Protein backbone atom coordinates (compact mmCIF):
# COMPACT_ATOMS: atom_id res chain seq x y z
CA MET A 1 56.81 119.45 27.39
CA LYS A 2 53.61 118.36 29.11
CA ASN A 3 55.60 115.93 31.26
CA MET A 4 58.05 118.70 32.16
CA LYS A 5 55.20 120.98 33.26
CA SER A 6 53.80 118.17 35.40
CA LEU A 7 57.21 117.60 36.99
CA VAL A 8 57.64 121.31 37.80
CA LEU A 9 54.13 121.46 39.26
CA THR A 10 54.80 118.37 41.38
CA ILE A 11 58.06 119.79 42.72
CA PHE A 12 56.45 123.17 43.44
CA THR A 13 53.52 121.50 45.20
CA GLY A 14 55.90 119.38 47.26
CA PHE A 15 57.86 122.42 48.44
CA SER A 16 54.62 124.26 49.18
CA MET A 17 53.43 121.37 51.36
CA ILE A 18 56.76 121.28 53.23
CA TYR A 19 56.66 125.04 53.78
CA SER A 20 53.02 124.95 54.88
CA GLN A 21 53.70 122.11 57.32
CA ALA A 22 56.75 123.84 58.82
CA GLN A 23 54.75 127.04 59.18
CA THR A 24 51.93 125.15 60.87
CA ILE A 25 54.32 123.55 63.38
CA ASP A 26 55.80 126.98 64.12
CA GLU A 27 52.31 128.42 64.64
CA LEU A 28 51.26 125.58 66.93
CA GLN A 29 54.45 125.83 68.96
CA SER A 30 54.09 129.62 69.27
CA GLY A 31 50.44 129.30 70.27
CA TYR A 32 51.33 126.73 72.91
CA ILE A 33 54.12 128.88 74.36
CA ARG A 34 51.79 131.89 74.55
CA ALA A 35 49.10 129.74 76.22
CA ILE A 36 51.35 128.50 79.02
CA GLY A 37 52.78 131.92 79.83
CA GLY A 38 54.89 133.28 76.98
CA LYS A 39 58.62 133.20 76.25
CA GLU A 40 59.62 135.64 78.99
CA ASN A 41 57.76 133.79 81.75
CA LEU A 42 59.16 130.46 80.57
CA ALA A 43 62.70 131.83 80.48
CA ALA A 44 62.30 133.07 84.07
CA LEU A 45 61.04 129.66 85.25
CA LYS A 46 63.97 127.87 86.90
CA ASP A 47 62.30 125.23 89.07
CA ILE A 48 58.98 124.06 90.43
CA PHE A 49 57.77 122.21 93.54
CA ILE A 50 54.47 120.33 93.45
CA GLU A 51 52.43 118.59 96.13
CA VAL A 52 49.78 116.26 94.77
CA ASN A 53 47.26 113.61 95.73
CA LEU A 54 47.36 110.37 93.73
CA ASP A 55 44.31 108.16 93.27
CA VAL A 56 45.70 104.68 92.57
CA MET A 57 43.35 101.68 92.60
CA GLY A 58 41.07 103.54 95.00
CA MET A 59 43.89 104.50 97.37
CA GLN A 60 44.63 108.15 98.13
CA ILE A 61 48.40 108.64 98.17
CA PRO A 62 50.28 111.90 98.86
CA ALA A 63 53.27 112.70 96.68
CA LYS A 64 55.82 115.47 96.15
CA GLN A 65 57.90 116.41 93.13
CA TRP A 66 60.77 118.82 92.61
CA ILE A 67 61.88 119.76 89.09
CA VAL A 68 64.91 121.88 88.28
CA PHE A 69 64.33 122.44 84.59
CA ASP A 70 66.92 120.94 82.24
CA GLU A 71 68.77 119.54 85.27
CA ALA A 72 66.97 117.02 87.48
CA SER A 73 63.72 115.90 89.08
CA ARG A 74 62.84 114.02 92.25
CA GLN A 75 59.54 112.40 93.15
CA GLU A 76 58.59 111.07 96.58
CA VAL A 77 55.52 108.90 97.13
CA GLU A 78 54.50 107.46 100.50
CA VAL A 79 52.54 104.20 100.57
CA MET A 80 51.77 102.31 103.79
CA GLY A 81 54.52 104.16 105.63
CA GLN A 82 57.09 103.34 102.95
CA LYS A 83 58.70 106.06 100.83
CA MET A 84 59.32 105.47 97.13
CA ILE A 85 61.81 107.85 95.53
CA THR A 86 62.52 108.38 91.84
CA PHE A 87 65.41 110.55 90.65
CA ILE A 88 65.94 111.60 87.03
CA GLY A 89 69.03 113.55 85.97
CA LYS A 90 70.31 114.57 82.57
CA ASP A 91 72.24 111.35 82.07
CA LYS A 92 71.27 109.03 84.91
CA GLY A 93 68.39 108.00 87.14
CA TRP A 94 67.54 105.66 89.98
CA MET A 95 64.61 104.44 92.04
CA ILE A 96 64.06 103.29 95.60
CA ASN A 97 60.96 101.13 96.05
CA PRO A 98 60.83 99.18 99.36
CA LEU A 99 57.45 97.71 98.39
CA MET A 100 59.19 95.87 95.55
CA GLY A 101 62.14 94.81 97.70
CA ALA A 102 64.42 97.60 96.47
CA ALA A 103 65.40 99.43 99.67
CA LYS A 104 68.56 100.78 98.01
CA PRO A 105 68.81 102.84 94.81
CA THR A 106 68.28 100.77 91.68
CA PRO A 107 69.57 102.28 88.41
CA ILE A 108 66.96 103.20 85.82
CA PRO A 109 67.87 101.98 82.29
CA ASP A 110 69.52 104.64 80.12
CA ALA A 111 66.74 104.44 77.52
CA ALA A 112 64.13 105.13 80.21
CA VAL A 113 66.18 108.07 81.55
CA LYS A 114 66.42 109.50 78.04
CA ALA A 115 62.68 109.05 77.52
CA ALA A 116 61.99 110.85 80.82
CA GLN A 117 63.90 113.97 79.78
CA GLY A 118 60.59 115.51 78.73
CA THR A 119 59.73 115.89 82.43
CA LEU A 120 62.66 118.31 82.72
CA ALA A 121 61.27 120.59 80.00
CA ARG A 122 59.59 123.89 80.78
CA GLY A 123 56.00 123.28 79.78
CA SER A 124 56.62 120.25 77.58
CA GLU A 125 58.92 118.99 74.85
CA LEU A 126 56.89 120.95 72.30
CA ALA A 127 58.23 124.23 73.69
CA ASP A 128 61.81 123.48 72.62
CA TYR A 129 61.69 120.26 70.62
CA GLY A 130 64.50 121.34 68.27
CA LEU A 131 66.96 121.82 71.12
CA ARG A 132 66.07 118.33 72.36
CA GLY A 133 66.90 116.67 69.08
CA LEU A 134 63.28 115.94 68.25
CA ASN A 135 61.61 116.12 64.87
CA ALA A 136 58.14 117.68 64.76
CA THR A 137 55.36 116.80 62.33
CA TYR A 138 51.86 118.24 62.19
CA GLN A 139 49.58 115.28 61.47
CA GLY A 140 46.40 117.23 60.87
CA LYS A 141 43.20 117.25 62.88
CA ASP A 142 41.92 114.34 64.93
CA THR A 143 39.14 113.67 67.46
CA LEU A 144 39.65 113.29 71.21
CA ASN A 145 36.67 112.62 73.48
CA GLY A 146 34.35 113.84 70.72
CA LYS A 147 36.27 117.10 70.25
CA THR A 148 38.38 118.19 67.28
CA VAL A 149 42.06 118.56 68.17
CA PHE A 150 45.40 119.23 66.51
CA LYS A 151 47.70 116.19 66.35
CA ILE A 152 51.48 116.60 66.52
CA LEU A 153 54.21 113.95 66.46
CA LEU A 154 57.55 114.56 68.15
CA ASN A 155 60.07 111.81 67.52
CA ARG A 156 63.66 110.64 67.38
CA GLU A 157 65.23 107.20 67.31
CA ASN A 158 63.32 104.75 69.57
CA TYR A 159 61.08 107.53 70.87
CA GLU A 160 57.70 108.99 69.91
CA ASN A 161 55.49 111.55 71.62
CA THR A 162 52.08 112.07 70.03
CA ILE A 163 50.47 115.27 71.25
CA TYR A 164 46.79 116.24 71.05
CA MET A 165 46.24 119.99 71.35
CA ASP A 166 43.09 122.00 72.00
CA PRO A 167 42.64 124.28 68.94
CA GLY A 168 40.99 126.99 71.04
CA SER A 169 43.29 127.27 74.05
CA TYR A 170 46.44 125.65 72.56
CA TYR A 171 46.78 123.61 75.77
CA ILE A 172 48.00 120.04 75.45
CA LEU A 173 45.17 117.63 76.28
CA ARG A 174 46.88 114.29 75.77
CA SER A 175 50.39 112.90 75.29
CA ILE A 176 51.12 109.34 74.17
CA VAL A 177 54.77 108.41 74.63
CA LYS A 178 56.23 105.28 73.04
CA THR A 179 59.81 104.25 73.68
CA SER A 180 61.99 101.17 73.58
CA VAL A 181 63.47 100.02 76.90
CA GLU A 182 65.60 96.88 76.97
CA ASP A 183 64.14 95.72 73.62
CA GLN A 184 60.58 96.19 74.82
CA THR A 185 58.17 98.86 73.58
CA VAL A 186 56.69 100.86 76.43
CA GLU A 187 53.65 103.09 75.89
CA GLN A 188 52.15 105.58 78.31
CA THR A 189 49.13 107.80 77.80
CA THR A 190 48.74 110.97 79.89
CA ASP A 191 45.72 113.29 79.88
CA PHE A 192 45.95 116.91 81.08
CA SER A 193 43.15 119.22 82.22
CA ASP A 194 42.21 122.04 84.62
CA TYR A 195 45.02 124.37 83.55
CA ARG A 196 45.59 127.24 85.96
CA LYS A 197 48.04 130.13 86.10
CA THR A 198 50.65 129.86 88.84
CA SER A 199 52.63 132.73 90.32
CA GLY A 200 54.68 134.32 87.58
CA GLY A 201 51.99 133.61 84.98
CA PHE A 202 52.99 130.02 84.14
CA ALA A 203 50.02 127.75 83.30
CA TYR A 204 50.07 124.21 84.68
CA PRO A 205 47.51 121.34 84.51
CA TYR A 206 46.10 120.69 87.98
CA ALA A 207 44.52 117.38 86.91
CA ILE A 208 46.61 114.67 85.23
CA THR A 209 45.63 111.08 84.48
CA THR A 210 48.21 108.50 83.42
CA SER A 211 47.22 105.12 82.01
CA ASN A 212 49.42 102.37 83.44
CA PRO A 213 49.02 98.80 82.11
CA MET A 214 50.00 97.37 85.52
CA VAL A 215 47.62 99.27 87.83
CA GLY A 216 45.20 101.04 85.49
CA ASP A 217 44.60 104.79 85.57
CA ILE A 218 46.59 106.90 88.02
CA LYS A 219 44.80 110.18 88.73
CA LEU A 220 46.82 113.10 90.02
CA ILE A 221 45.31 116.24 91.54
CA VAL A 222 47.64 119.12 92.34
CA ASP A 223 47.28 120.65 95.82
CA THR A 224 50.25 123.06 95.87
CA ILE A 225 52.60 124.57 93.32
CA GLU A 226 55.60 126.77 94.16
CA VAL A 227 57.94 128.19 91.54
CA ASN A 228 61.58 129.27 91.73
CA THR A 229 62.26 127.97 95.24
CA THR A 230 65.86 127.13 94.19
CA PRO A 231 66.29 123.60 95.55
CA ASP A 232 69.75 122.09 95.95
CA ILE A 233 70.50 119.62 93.13
CA LYS A 234 72.59 117.51 95.50
CA ALA A 235 69.67 117.33 97.91
CA LEU A 236 67.42 116.08 95.10
CA GLU A 237 69.91 113.31 94.36
CA SER A 238 70.19 112.28 98.00
CA THR A 239 69.06 108.73 98.75
CA GLU A 240 67.64 109.80 102.13
């Protein structure tokens, strides 16, 4: 009888922990959605155009990016008079990089295209992780730059996105993405700060730093943001 009571208690405790965790994930997701503008503002957000300045190895480089959410993105970066273009669609992507001898579009591996789908999400993958086939796990509290943060893991096969969230604002402060591309594990850390409200009430980080093992930190400062400009998808996919 004592063993049976212990078994029942263990099962009940297990279900309680599962329920508590699911509730916590729901609360964190809801808090994040409210922080970046709310469900209605996100639903009304169709596309975004961003002009930025990149600080790469001490060089100041202008760049532009168009994102049609859940459809496609295009990024243009000009370096020494040469234009580098990256296109990401729902099921394909390519890159033009004359500085690396690729003057014509070079296909991006399917695994990398799949991993980049988070860039097509309104806000981030946390906003609609279930629709993207991602599992979500609250991993408790952690410390980032001396500050207590919430830690969330989004994952599926060959893909992980570890998110560090500010417990006060519910903004995402850091994202660490790990994925497997051509049998190699690729990891990228991105820090977000200086969130500001754009037209329509959507909050966006105006300062982004990405850690790249090849060139070190890439710092991005947003100069201009325009929302719902309705770009032509075919124009985004153009190789010109």
